[in-house]
Amino acid sequence: MAMSIKNLDFCFENLRVRIIADRNYPEVKLAGLSAGPFDEGNEYEVYYWIAQELADSGIAHFREDDCLDATKLYKILWKERVQAAGQISELTEDFYPKLRRYLASIKAEIAKNPEKMQEYEKAKHLAWDIVNSRFKKIVALASGPAQTTQIQKKFTCEERSIYEQLGKIINEGKAQILNFEGE
């Protein structure tokens, strides 16, 4: 991919996100950055990696509308499946980083709570169904004429990169096949 998953994850980790303080906590200073002070119940905007540390420490939590769960994955899959032929639903740019973290968090909980295995398997299957549905459409769109920016803006960064690479490979292949007499 033009921009690797590792690079996209780094960018995601450095996005600003909204959190809600679960308790009062003094200002924290880290490598020239400061976060807080936090007052219980108030909402704050911090870098994702700081928000994750605060959540892991029980100081704050992510806003519910910013988190993925099985219900949201079902809705995304349903929305993807009802699109007209040649159409793809719009996802937020941070969908795949959030999805990877959601799956990893459930998987990490399995050691402490084995019942989470069923939730993990369900979420993993939903994730695969979403990816398969979208990638089939991306392959079809990349095989045809160049898509409008209207369609391309519905792709995530990961999908846009795949679409561009596939389009290039397919167009080069078509050119080679149709150049049967060395024209």
Protein backbone atom coordinates (compact mmCIF):
# COMPACT_ATOMS: atom_id res chain seq x y z
CA MET A 1 0.00 0.00 0.00
CA ALA A 2 1.18 3.52 -0.75
CA MET A 3 0.73 4.45 2.89
CA SER A 4 1.30 1.45 5.13
CA ILE A 5 -1.09 0.37 7.85
CA LYS A 6 1.68 1.15 10.34
CA ASN A 7 1.87 4.75 9.09
CA LEU A 8 -1.92 5.11 9.08
CA ASP A 9 -2.05 3.78 12.64
CA PHE A 10 0.63 6.28 13.68
CA CYS A 11 -1.47 9.09 12.19
CA PHE A 12 -4.56 7.76 13.96
CA GLU A 13 -2.74 7.59 17.31
CA ASN A 14 -1.95 11.29 16.91
CA LEU A 15 -5.49 12.44 16.06
CA ARG A 16 -7.34 14.45 18.65
CA VAL A 17 -10.35 12.67 20.18
CA ARG A 18 -13.00 13.52 22.75
CA ILE A 19 -13.00 11.85 26.17
CA ILE A 20 -15.10 12.21 29.29
CA ALA A 21 -13.36 12.32 32.67
CA ASP A 22 -14.47 9.59 35.07
CA ARG A 23 -12.82 11.26 38.06
CA ASN A 24 -10.93 14.38 39.03
CA TYR A 25 -7.27 14.18 38.12
CA PRO A 26 -4.45 16.75 38.11
CA GLU A 27 -2.63 17.95 35.02
CA VAL A 28 -0.27 15.38 33.48
CA LYS A 29 2.91 16.52 31.70
CA LEU A 30 4.55 14.21 29.17
CA ALA A 31 7.47 15.02 26.89
CA GLY A 32 6.52 18.66 26.47
CA LEU A 33 2.79 17.95 26.26
CA SER A 34 0.28 18.47 29.01
CA ALA A 35 -3.19 17.04 29.50
CA GLY A 36 -5.70 18.05 32.13
CA PRO A 37 -6.44 18.85 34.80
CA PHE A 38 -9.57 16.71 34.49
CA ASP A 39 -12.86 17.29 36.28
CA GLU A 40 -15.22 14.35 36.59
CA GLY A 41 -18.00 14.41 34.00
CA ASN A 42 -16.41 17.04 31.76
CA GLU A 43 -15.43 16.41 28.16
CA TYR A 44 -11.88 17.01 26.89
CA GLU A 45 -10.03 16.77 23.61
CA VAL A 46 -6.66 14.97 23.69
CA TYR A 47 -4.49 12.91 21.35
CA TYR A 48 -5.77 9.36 20.89
CA TRP A 49 -2.70 7.79 22.49
CA ILE A 50 -3.17 9.95 25.59
CA ALA A 51 -6.89 9.14 25.66
CA GLN A 52 -6.09 5.42 25.53
CA GLU A 53 -3.71 5.74 28.50
CA LEU A 54 -6.29 7.72 30.46
CA ALA A 55 -8.96 5.12 29.65
CA ASP A 56 -6.67 2.23 30.64
CA SER A 57 -5.97 4.02 33.94
CA GLY A 58 -9.66 4.55 34.70
CA ILE A 59 -9.31 8.34 34.58
CA ALA A 60 -11.52 8.86 31.51
CA HIS A 61 -13.44 7.02 28.83
CA PHE A 62 -14.04 7.53 25.13
CA ARG A 63 -17.36 9.02 24.09
CA GLU A 64 -19.74 6.22 23.20
CA ASP A 65 -20.43 7.59 19.71
CA ASP A 66 -16.67 7.37 18.97
CA CYS A 67 -16.42 3.66 19.83
CA LEU A 68 -17.27 0.63 17.72
CA ASP A 69 -19.35 -2.29 18.91
CA ALA A 70 -21.17 -5.22 17.29
CA THR A 71 -24.37 -3.17 16.84
CA LYS A 72 -22.50 -0.47 14.92
CA LEU A 73 -20.76 -3.11 12.81
CA TYR A 74 -24.14 -4.67 11.95
CA LYS A 75 -25.43 -1.25 10.86
CA ILE A 76 -22.35 -0.62 8.72
CA LEU A 77 -22.68 -4.05 7.08
CA TRP A 78 -26.41 -3.58 6.46
CA LYS A 79 -25.82 -0.13 4.96
CA GLU A 80 -23.11 -1.58 2.72
CA ARG A 81 -25.33 -4.40 1.51
CA VAL A 82 -28.28 -2.15 0.58
CA GLN A 83 -26.23 0.10 -1.72
CA ALA A 84 -27.21 0.12 -5.38
CA ALA A 85 -24.91 -1.63 -7.84
CA GLY A 86 -21.70 0.32 -8.33
CA GLN A 87 -22.19 2.25 -5.08
CA ILE A 88 -20.30 2.08 -1.81
CA SER A 89 -21.34 3.56 1.51
CA GLU A 90 -19.23 6.21 3.18
CA LEU A 91 -17.04 5.26 6.13
CA THR A 92 -15.14 7.63 8.38
CA GLU A 93 -11.41 7.85 7.67
CA ASP A 94 -10.68 6.32 11.06
CA PHE A 95 -12.96 3.28 10.63
CA TYR A 96 -10.23 0.66 10.11
CA PRO A 97 -7.93 1.89 12.92
CA LYS A 98 -10.94 1.87 15.26
CA LEU A 99 -11.93 -1.59 14.00
CA ARG A 100 -8.45 -3.00 14.60
CA ARG A 101 -8.42 -1.57 18.13
CA TYR A 102 -11.95 -2.80 18.88
CA LEU A 103 -11.07 -6.36 17.84
CA ALA A 104 -7.77 -6.25 19.75
CA SER A 105 -9.49 -5.00 22.91
CA ILE A 106 -12.05 -7.82 22.87
CA LYS A 107 -9.32 -10.37 22.16
CA ALA A 108 -7.28 -9.06 25.10
CA GLU A 109 -10.29 -9.47 27.41
CA ILE A 110 -10.67 -13.17 26.57
CA ALA A 111 -7.84 -14.17 28.95
CA LYS A 112 -9.72 -12.59 31.88
CA ASN A 113 -13.22 -13.41 30.65
CA PRO A 114 -13.50 -16.49 28.35
CA GLU A 115 -17.12 -15.62 27.53
CA LYS A 116 -15.71 -12.77 25.42
CA MET A 117 -14.61 -15.38 22.84
CA GLN A 118 -18.13 -15.48 21.38
CA GLU A 119 -18.26 -11.67 21.16
CA TYR A 120 -14.83 -11.65 19.53
CA GLU A 121 -15.80 -14.28 16.94
CA LYS A 122 -19.03 -12.42 16.10
CA ALA A 123 -17.19 -9.09 15.74
CA LYS A 124 -14.44 -10.71 13.66
CA HIS A 125 -17.00 -12.24 11.27
CA LEU A 126 -18.82 -8.91 10.94
CA ALA A 127 -15.49 -7.19 10.22
CA TRP A 128 -14.62 -9.75 7.53
CA ASP A 129 -18.06 -9.39 5.95
CA ILE A 130 -17.69 -5.60 5.82
CA VAL A 131 -14.19 -5.81 4.33
CA ASN A 132 -15.20 -8.47 1.78
CA SER A 133 -18.28 -6.54 0.71
CA ARG A 134 -16.35 -3.30 0.30
CA PHE A 135 -13.34 -4.87 -1.41
CA LYS A 136 -15.54 -6.64 -3.99
CA LYS A 137 -16.98 -3.25 -4.87
CA ILE A 138 -13.54 -1.62 -4.94
CA VAL A 139 -12.25 -4.29 -7.34
CA ALA A 140 -15.29 -3.76 -9.60
CA LEU A 141 -14.90 0.04 -9.46
CA ALA A 142 -11.16 -0.18 -10.18
CA SER A 143 -11.88 -2.41 -13.21
CA GLY A 144 -14.15 0.14 -14.85
CA PRO A 145 -13.65 3.73 -15.94
CA ALA A 146 -12.04 6.14 -13.49
CA GLN A 147 -14.42 6.95 -10.65
CA THR A 148 -15.62 10.39 -9.75
CA THR A 149 -14.35 12.10 -6.63
CA GLN A 150 -17.92 11.62 -5.33
CA ILE A 151 -17.34 7.85 -5.16
CA GLN A 152 -13.67 8.07 -4.14
CA LYS A 153 -14.41 10.31 -1.15
CA LYS A 154 -16.41 7.43 0.33
CA PHE A 155 -13.23 5.33 0.54
CA THR A 156 -11.00 5.27 3.60
CA CYS A 157 -7.27 5.95 3.14
CA GLU A 158 -6.61 2.20 3.07
CA GLU A 159 -9.30 1.62 0.46
CA ARG A 160 -8.22 4.58 -1.68
CA SER A 161 -4.70 3.20 -1.82
CA ILE A 162 -5.96 -0.26 -2.82
CA TYR A 163 -8.30 1.24 -5.43
CA GLU A 164 -5.45 3.25 -6.99
CA GLN A 165 -3.06 0.29 -7.04
CA LEU A 166 -5.69 -2.04 -8.50
CA GLY A 167 -6.65 0.51 -11.14
CA LYS A 168 -3.02 0.84 -12.19
CA ILE A 169 -2.50 -2.94 -12.34
CA ILE A 170 -5.75 -3.52 -14.25
CA ASN A 171 -5.08 -0.72 -16.76
CA GLU A 172 -1.53 -1.97 -17.36
CA GLY A 173 -2.88 -5.50 -17.83
CA LYS A 174 -5.52 -4.33 -20.30
CA ALA A 175 -2.91 -2.37 -22.25
CA GLN A 176 -0.63 -5.41 -22.44
CA ILE A 177 -3.46 -7.74 -23.51
CA LEU A 178 -4.74 -5.35 -26.17
CA ASN A 179 -1.26 -4.67 -27.53
CA PHE A 180 -1.20 -8.12 -29.16
CA GLU A 181 0.57 -6.92 -32.35
CA GLY A 182 3.17 -4.72 -30.69
CA GLU A 183 1.33 -1.50 -31.56
